[in-house]
Amino acid sequence: MKTLSQARLMVTFARIVEAGSISAAAAQCGIDKASVSRQLGELEDLLGVRLLNRSTRHLSLTDVGRVVFDRATRVLFEVENARSEAESFRSSPSGVLSVSASVAFGRTQIVPHLQAFLTKHPDIDVDLCLLDRQVDLVDEGFDVLLRLCDQPPEQVVAHRLATISYAVVAAPEWLAGVEPITHPQQLAQHNCLFYGVRQRATTWKFRLGREYVSVGVRNRTSINSSEALRHLAVSGMGVALLPSFAVADEIAKGRLKVLLPQYEAVGYLGTSLYALHLPGRFVAPKVRAFVQFLKDEWISSRNWDAWREAADAEAELDDATSART
């Protein structure tokens, strides 16, 4: 704080010399003449020298005043540059934007849209960090954190972007070797792939209208990566419960089939996607630009629930056919 105070006095001194008088400097700074005069006196007391020769109509620099004025103009130059750069940051999106997301979500949902975002905002660079663990927004210094959860943490600004749905999937080759699965309880008889570390058993929950079904399932491989689980499911190792965004492409390409589409699976990552950033009076334009991009362009382009819409349409067709017969 002492250094900042000294810098302020140097800036005031430079403005006095450039303006030619204390009263003119006061007008430029938007403060009263007495305050400017007091700051000049404080600087002279601090340095122990007289900087200006004063008369009723004229100011002139002393020899040491010329040396100090040279230093003071450099301080003023840096202050003006800092102000200009800060104004630029406040007015237009620029700088390096640091974003963190889970590996599967970042790879499937953010990476494909990075080019569009960077093209729209050419003055922004992006540091994207994909991590399959809880990230602390403050301690780890990220600008934006994309988090899947039921309830966002307190003390941050949370923008809810989307609902997270889940699918129970298996490879066509795996399904060809088992009896048709028409009820969640049948899953207890199969190898079920789920997110976890050193965990061989868990409970999967389903909802059908007002009916809730819970089934205990077991696995033979414990993995804490949605990406790895998707790979195991595609390779035919069993049934996987995964967020729709992680398997939408595999479903569309026929490499995975959806089981029990009439049921709504309750997932393990949460029900919503949030964009989180720190609160404050001045949110950086780069942060606002990224969140707005997600709201305007990413949300409208996402298609991870296409399989659900197709299943609902098929169910409606089956109901209509049954009604006619």
Protein backbone atom coordinates (compact mmCIF):
# COMPACT_ATOMS: atom_id res chain seq x y z
CA MET A 1 0.00 0.00 0.00
CA LYS A 2 2.91 2.39 0.76
CA THR A 3 4.35 1.85 -2.72
CA LEU A 4 0.96 2.49 -4.32
CA SER A 5 0.61 5.71 -2.35
CA GLN A 6 4.04 6.87 -3.50
CA ALA A 7 3.15 6.06 -7.11
CA ARG A 8 -0.02 8.17 -6.75
CA LEU A 9 2.06 11.12 -5.52
CA MET A 10 4.44 10.74 -8.48
CA VAL A 11 1.49 10.74 -10.89
CA THR A 12 0.10 13.89 -9.31
CA PHE A 13 3.50 15.59 -9.58
CA ALA A 14 3.78 14.70 -13.27
CA ARG A 15 0.31 16.09 -13.94
CA ILE A 16 1.17 19.37 -12.16
CA VAL A 17 4.26 19.88 -14.30
CA GLU A 18 2.48 18.94 -17.53
CA ALA A 19 -0.52 21.15 -16.74
CA GLY A 20 1.67 24.08 -15.73
CA SER A 21 -0.08 24.85 -12.47
CA ILE A 22 -1.63 23.24 -9.43
CA SER A 23 -5.09 24.56 -10.27
CA ALA A 24 -4.93 23.22 -13.86
CA ALA A 25 -3.77 19.81 -12.62
CA ALA A 26 -6.60 19.77 -10.10
CA ALA A 27 -9.11 20.41 -12.88
CA GLN A 28 -7.65 17.61 -14.99
CA CYS A 29 -7.69 15.16 -12.09
CA GLY A 30 -11.18 16.14 -10.99
CA ILE A 31 -10.12 16.94 -7.42
CA ASP A 32 -9.79 20.17 -5.46
CA LYS A 33 -6.70 22.38 -5.61
CA ALA A 34 -5.92 21.88 -1.91
CA SER A 35 -5.68 18.09 -2.38
CA VAL A 36 -3.26 18.45 -5.27
CA SER A 37 -1.13 20.92 -3.31
CA ARG A 38 -1.12 18.57 -0.31
CA GLN A 39 0.01 15.61 -2.44
CA LEU A 40 2.86 17.69 -3.86
CA GLY A 41 3.92 18.59 -0.33
CA GLU A 42 3.75 14.94 0.72
CA LEU A 43 6.04 13.92 -2.13
CA GLU A 44 8.56 16.63 -1.29
CA ASP A 45 8.49 15.60 2.38
CA LEU A 46 8.91 11.95 1.38
CA LEU A 47 11.95 12.72 -0.81
CA GLY A 48 13.33 15.44 1.47
CA VAL A 49 13.82 17.91 -1.39
CA ARG A 50 12.03 20.82 -3.08
CA LEU A 51 10.73 19.80 -6.49
CA LEU A 52 9.16 23.04 -7.68
CA ASN A 53 9.90 26.71 -7.31
CA ARG A 54 6.54 28.36 -6.74
CA SER A 55 5.37 31.90 -7.28
CA THR A 56 1.87 33.30 -7.50
CA ARG A 57 1.90 33.00 -11.30
CA HIS A 58 4.59 30.52 -12.21
CA LEU A 59 6.03 27.08 -11.37
CA SER A 60 9.50 25.95 -12.32
CA LEU A 61 11.35 22.71 -11.75
CA THR A 62 14.35 22.58 -9.47
CA ASP A 63 17.37 20.58 -10.59
CA VAL A 64 16.28 17.56 -8.57
CA GLY A 65 12.71 18.22 -9.68
CA ARG A 66 13.76 17.61 -13.30
CA VAL A 67 15.22 14.22 -12.35
CA VAL A 68 12.12 13.26 -10.36
CA PHE A 69 9.84 14.53 -13.16
CA ASP A 70 11.59 12.18 -15.59
CA ARG A 71 10.83 9.27 -13.25
CA ALA A 72 7.29 10.52 -12.62
CA THR A 73 6.47 10.66 -16.35
CA ARG A 74 7.45 7.01 -16.62
CA VAL A 75 5.11 6.14 -13.74
CA LEU A 76 2.34 8.17 -15.39
CA PHE A 77 2.99 6.39 -18.70
CA GLU A 78 2.65 2.97 -17.05
CA VAL A 79 -0.51 4.03 -15.22
CA GLU A 80 -2.10 5.30 -18.43
CA ASN A 81 -1.12 2.10 -20.26
CA ALA A 82 -2.58 -0.03 -17.48
CA ARG A 83 -5.79 1.99 -17.59
CA SER A 84 -5.99 1.65 -21.36
CA GLU A 85 -5.43 -2.09 -21.24
CA ALA A 86 -7.97 -2.52 -18.45
CA GLU A 87 -10.49 -0.54 -20.47
CA SER A 88 -9.81 -2.81 -23.44
CA PHE A 89 -10.44 -5.90 -21.29
CA ARG A 90 -13.66 -4.40 -19.97
CA SER A 91 -15.01 -3.42 -23.37
CA SER A 92 -14.11 -6.34 -25.67
CA PRO A 93 -13.47 -10.07 -25.21
CA SER A 94 -9.74 -10.72 -25.27
CA GLY A 95 -6.96 -12.52 -23.45
CA VAL A 96 -6.49 -16.16 -22.46
CA LEU A 97 -9.66 -17.97 -21.32
CA SER A 98 -8.99 -20.97 -19.07
CA VAL A 99 -11.77 -23.58 -19.07
CA SER A 100 -12.03 -26.93 -17.29
CA ALA A 101 -14.43 -29.79 -18.04
CA SER A 102 -14.57 -33.55 -17.65
CA VAL A 103 -12.69 -35.58 -20.26
CA ALA A 104 -15.74 -37.10 -21.96
CA PHE A 105 -17.79 -33.90 -21.95
CA GLY A 106 -14.90 -31.75 -23.11
CA ARG A 107 -13.91 -34.10 -25.91
CA THR A 108 -17.42 -34.67 -27.27
CA GLN A 109 -19.04 -31.30 -26.59
CA ILE A 110 -16.45 -28.53 -26.29
CA VAL A 111 -13.60 -29.51 -28.60
CA PRO A 112 -15.84 -29.75 -31.71
CA HIS A 113 -17.02 -26.15 -31.10
CA LEU A 114 -13.69 -24.52 -30.26
CA GLN A 115 -13.01 -23.44 -33.84
CA ALA A 116 -16.36 -21.66 -34.08
CA PHE A 117 -15.77 -19.85 -30.79
CA LEU A 118 -12.23 -18.78 -31.69
CA THR A 119 -13.36 -17.60 -35.12
CA LYS A 120 -16.10 -15.51 -33.54
CA HIS A 121 -13.67 -14.06 -30.96
CA PRO A 122 -10.25 -13.71 -32.64
CA ASP A 123 -8.73 -11.86 -29.66
CA ILE A 124 -9.34 -14.77 -27.26
CA ASP A 125 -7.04 -17.75 -26.80
CA VAL A 126 -8.31 -20.82 -24.93
CA ASP A 127 -6.63 -23.09 -22.39
CA LEU A 128 -8.90 -26.16 -22.12
CA CYS A 129 -8.07 -28.56 -19.28
CA LEU A 130 -9.95 -31.89 -19.30
CA LEU A 131 -9.96 -33.64 -15.92
CA ASP A 132 -12.03 -36.49 -14.50
CA ARG A 133 -11.99 -35.09 -10.96
CA GLN A 134 -13.49 -32.28 -8.92
CA VAL A 135 -11.85 -28.97 -9.78
CA ASP A 136 -11.63 -25.96 -7.47
CA LEU A 137 -12.45 -22.82 -9.44
CA VAL A 138 -10.53 -20.52 -7.11
CA ASP A 139 -7.49 -22.56 -6.06
CA GLU A 140 -6.75 -23.81 -9.57
CA GLY A 141 -7.30 -20.47 -11.29
CA PHE A 142 -9.84 -21.32 -13.98
CA ASP A 143 -12.07 -18.69 -15.57
CA VAL A 144 -14.95 -21.08 -16.32
CA LEU A 145 -15.73 -24.53 -14.97
CA LEU A 146 -18.24 -26.77 -16.74
CA ARG A 147 -19.70 -29.05 -14.09
CA LEU A 148 -22.27 -31.84 -14.13
CA CYS A 149 -24.16 -31.91 -10.85
CA ASP A 150 -27.55 -31.67 -9.18
CA GLN A 151 -26.77 -28.50 -7.24
CA PRO A 152 -23.95 -26.06 -8.04
CA PRO A 153 -21.62 -25.00 -5.23
CA GLU A 154 -22.24 -21.81 -3.32
CA GLN A 155 -20.17 -18.64 -3.67
CA VAL A 156 -19.98 -18.89 -7.46
CA VAL A 157 -22.13 -17.70 -10.36
CA ALA A 158 -23.87 -20.70 -11.94
CA HIS A 159 -25.48 -20.67 -15.40
CA ARG A 160 -27.66 -23.73 -15.96
CA LEU A 161 -27.12 -24.79 -19.56
CA ALA A 162 -28.79 -28.16 -20.06
CA THR A 163 -30.42 -31.24 -18.55
CA ILE A 164 -28.20 -34.31 -18.42
CA SER A 165 -29.86 -37.54 -19.51
CA TYR A 166 -28.49 -41.07 -19.33
CA ALA A 167 -28.65 -44.21 -21.44
CA VAL A 168 -28.16 -47.89 -20.71
CA VAL A 169 -26.27 -49.27 -23.69
CA ALA A 170 -24.55 -52.38 -25.00
CA ALA A 171 -22.86 -53.45 -28.22
CA PRO A 172 -25.03 -55.28 -30.80
CA GLU A 173 -22.64 -58.26 -30.66
CA TRP A 174 -23.11 -58.53 -26.90
CA LEU A 175 -26.90 -58.27 -27.17
CA ALA A 176 -26.96 -61.04 -29.77
CA GLY A 177 -25.71 -63.50 -27.16
CA VAL A 178 -28.22 -62.80 -24.37
CA GLU A 179 -31.94 -63.00 -23.78
CA PRO A 180 -33.83 -59.77 -24.58
CA ILE A 181 -33.70 -57.37 -21.60
CA THR A 182 -37.16 -55.92 -20.99
CA HIS A 183 -36.99 -55.02 -17.30
CA PRO A 184 -34.24 -53.42 -15.18
CA GLN A 185 -34.13 -56.36 -12.75
CA GLN A 186 -32.68 -58.53 -15.50
CA LEU A 187 -29.50 -56.41 -15.40
CA ALA A 188 -28.54 -58.08 -12.13
CA GLN A 189 -27.64 -61.17 -14.16
CA HIS A 190 -25.12 -59.39 -16.39
CA ASN A 191 -21.76 -57.63 -16.22
CA CYS A 192 -22.69 -53.96 -15.78
CA LEU A 193 -20.12 -51.25 -16.46
CA PHE A 194 -20.32 -48.22 -14.19
CA TYR A 195 -18.16 -45.31 -13.06
CA GLY A 196 -16.19 -46.02 -9.89
CA VAL A 197 -12.85 -46.82 -8.31
CA ARG A 198 -12.33 -50.18 -6.58
CA GLN A 199 -16.06 -50.68 -6.63
CA ARG A 200 -17.58 -53.96 -7.77
CA ALA A 201 -21.22 -53.36 -6.91
CA THR A 202 -23.66 -50.49 -7.00
CA THR A 203 -27.35 -49.73 -7.47
CA TRP A 204 -28.87 -48.49 -10.69
CA LYS A 205 -32.17 -46.64 -10.45
CA PHE A 206 -34.87 -46.25 -13.09
CA ARG A 207 -38.14 -44.40 -13.42
CA LEU A 208 -41.15 -45.35 -15.55
CA GLY A 209 -43.94 -42.85 -15.05
CA ARG A 210 -44.54 -42.94 -11.29
CA GLU A 211 -42.84 -46.29 -10.86
CA TYR A 212 -39.28 -46.39 -9.46
CA VAL A 213 -37.10 -49.46 -9.84
CA SER A 214 -33.78 -50.08 -8.10
CA VAL A 215 -31.55 -52.96 -9.09
CA GLY A 216 -28.24 -54.08 -7.62
CA VAL A 217 -25.63 -54.60 -10.33
CA ARG A 218 -22.03 -55.82 -10.38
CA ASN A 219 -19.04 -55.35 -12.64
CA ARG A 220 -15.75 -57.06 -13.30
CA THR A 221 -13.83 -53.90 -14.19
CA SER A 222 -13.62 -50.79 -12.01
CA ILE A 223 -12.89 -47.59 -13.97
CA ASN A 224 -13.21 -43.89 -13.14
CA SER A 225 -13.50 -42.69 -16.74
CA SER A 226 -16.63 -42.34 -18.86
CA GLU A 227 -14.44 -42.53 -21.96
CA ALA A 228 -13.02 -45.88 -20.90
CA LEU A 229 -16.46 -47.24 -20.00
CA ARG A 230 -17.77 -46.27 -23.43
CA HIS A 231 -14.83 -48.09 -25.04
CA LEU A 232 -15.49 -51.23 -23.00
CA ALA A 233 -19.17 -51.16 -23.92
CA VAL A 234 -18.39 -50.80 -27.64
CA SER A 235 -15.95 -53.72 -27.39
CA GLY A 236 -18.73 -55.93 -26.01
CA MET A 237 -17.76 -56.29 -22.36
CA GLY A 238 -21.27 -55.72 -21.01
CA VAL A 239 -23.98 -53.17 -20.28
CA ALA A 240 -22.99 -49.58 -19.46
CA LEU A 241 -24.88 -46.72 -17.82
CA LEU A 242 -23.47 -43.51 -19.29
CA PRO A 243 -24.51 -39.90 -19.90
CA SER A 244 -26.11 -39.48 -23.31
CA PHE A 245 -23.49 -36.99 -24.50
CA ALA A 246 -20.80 -39.66 -24.09
CA VAL A 247 -22.55 -42.26 -26.24
CA ALA A 248 -24.75 -40.26 -28.65
CA ASP A 249 -22.35 -40.74 -31.58
CA GLU A 250 -21.93 -44.45 -30.91
CA ILE A 251 -25.71 -44.89 -30.79
CA ALA A 252 -26.19 -42.92 -34.01
CA LYS A 253 -23.54 -45.04 -35.78
CA GLY A 254 -25.05 -48.31 -34.52
CA ARG A 255 -22.02 -49.32 -32.44
CA LEU A 256 -24.15 -49.20 -29.30
CA LYS A 257 -27.82 -50.05 -28.78
CA VAL A 258 -30.05 -48.51 -26.10
CA LEU A 259 -31.60 -50.94 -23.61
CA LEU A 260 -34.82 -50.24 -21.76
CA PRO A 261 -35.55 -46.99 -23.65
CA GLN A 262 -38.96 -46.75 -22.03
CA TYR A 263 -37.28 -46.24 -18.63
CA GLU A 264 -35.53 -43.09 -17.49
CA ALA A 265 -32.17 -44.00 -15.99
CA VAL A 266 -30.96 -41.99 -12.99
CA GLY A 267 -27.32 -41.14 -13.58
CA TYR A 268 -24.33 -40.76 -11.29
CA LEU A 269 -22.99 -37.39 -12.47
CA GLY A 270 -26.01 -35.24 -11.75
CA THR A 271 -29.04 -33.94 -13.60
CA SER A 272 -27.77 -30.61 -14.96
CA LEU A 273 -24.85 -28.96 -16.70
CA TYR A 274 -23.66 -25.64 -15.26
CA ALA A 275 -21.11 -23.08 -16.37
CA LEU A 276 -19.50 -21.71 -13.21
CA HIS A 277 -17.41 -18.60 -12.73
CA LEU A 278 -16.45 -16.35 -9.85
CA PRO A 279 -18.81 -13.56 -8.77
CA GLY A 280 -17.90 -9.90 -8.84
CA ARG A 281 -18.87 -6.51 -10.18
CA PHE A 282 -16.64 -6.88 -13.22
CA VAL A 283 -16.97 -10.18 -15.06
CA ALA A 284 -14.34 -10.38 -17.79
CA PRO A 285 -15.78 -10.02 -21.32
CA LYS A 286 -14.02 -13.25 -22.34
CA VAL A 287 -16.01 -15.12 -19.67
CA ARG A 288 -19.29 -13.49 -20.69
CA ALA A 289 -18.55 -14.25 -24.34
CA PHE A 290 -17.89 -17.94 -23.69
CA VAL A 291 -20.99 -18.46 -21.54
CA GLN A 292 -23.12 -16.63 -24.11
CA PHE A 293 -21.64 -18.76 -26.88
CA LEU A 294 -22.64 -21.90 -25.00
CA LYS A 295 -26.17 -20.56 -24.51
CA ASP A 296 -26.68 -19.31 -28.05
CA GLU A 297 -24.78 -21.68 -30.32
CA TRP A 298 -23.74 -24.80 -28.46
CA ILE A 299 -27.14 -25.56 -26.90
CA SER A 300 -28.95 -25.16 -30.20
CA SER A 301 -26.55 -27.54 -31.96
CA ARG A 302 -26.33 -30.36 -29.44
CA ASN A 303 -28.11 -33.61 -30.35
CA TRP A 304 -27.22 -36.04 -27.61
CA ASP A 305 -30.90 -36.77 -26.85
CA ALA A 306 -31.71 -37.84 -30.43
CA TRP A 307 -31.92 -41.48 -29.35
CA ARG A 308 -34.48 -40.58 -26.67
CA GLU A 309 -36.62 -38.67 -29.15
CA ALA A 310 -36.49 -41.62 -31.56
CA ALA A 311 -37.46 -44.03 -28.77
CA ASP A 312 -40.39 -41.84 -27.73
CA ALA A 313 -41.57 -41.62 -31.33
CA GLU A 314 -41.35 -45.41 -31.69
CA ALA A 315 -43.29 -45.90 -28.46
CA GLU A 316 -46.03 -43.57 -29.65
CA LEU A 317 -46.22 -45.49 -32.94
CA ASP A 318 -46.48 -48.78 -31.08
CA ASP A 319 -49.25 -47.38 -28.87
CA ALA A 320 -51.15 -46.14 -31.91
CA THR A 321 -50.77 -49.51 -33.63
CA SER A 322 -52.00 -51.35 -30.52
CA ALA A 323 -54.99 -49.06 -30.28
CA ARG A 324 -56.02 -49.79 -33.87
CA THR A 325 -55.79 -53.53 -33.36
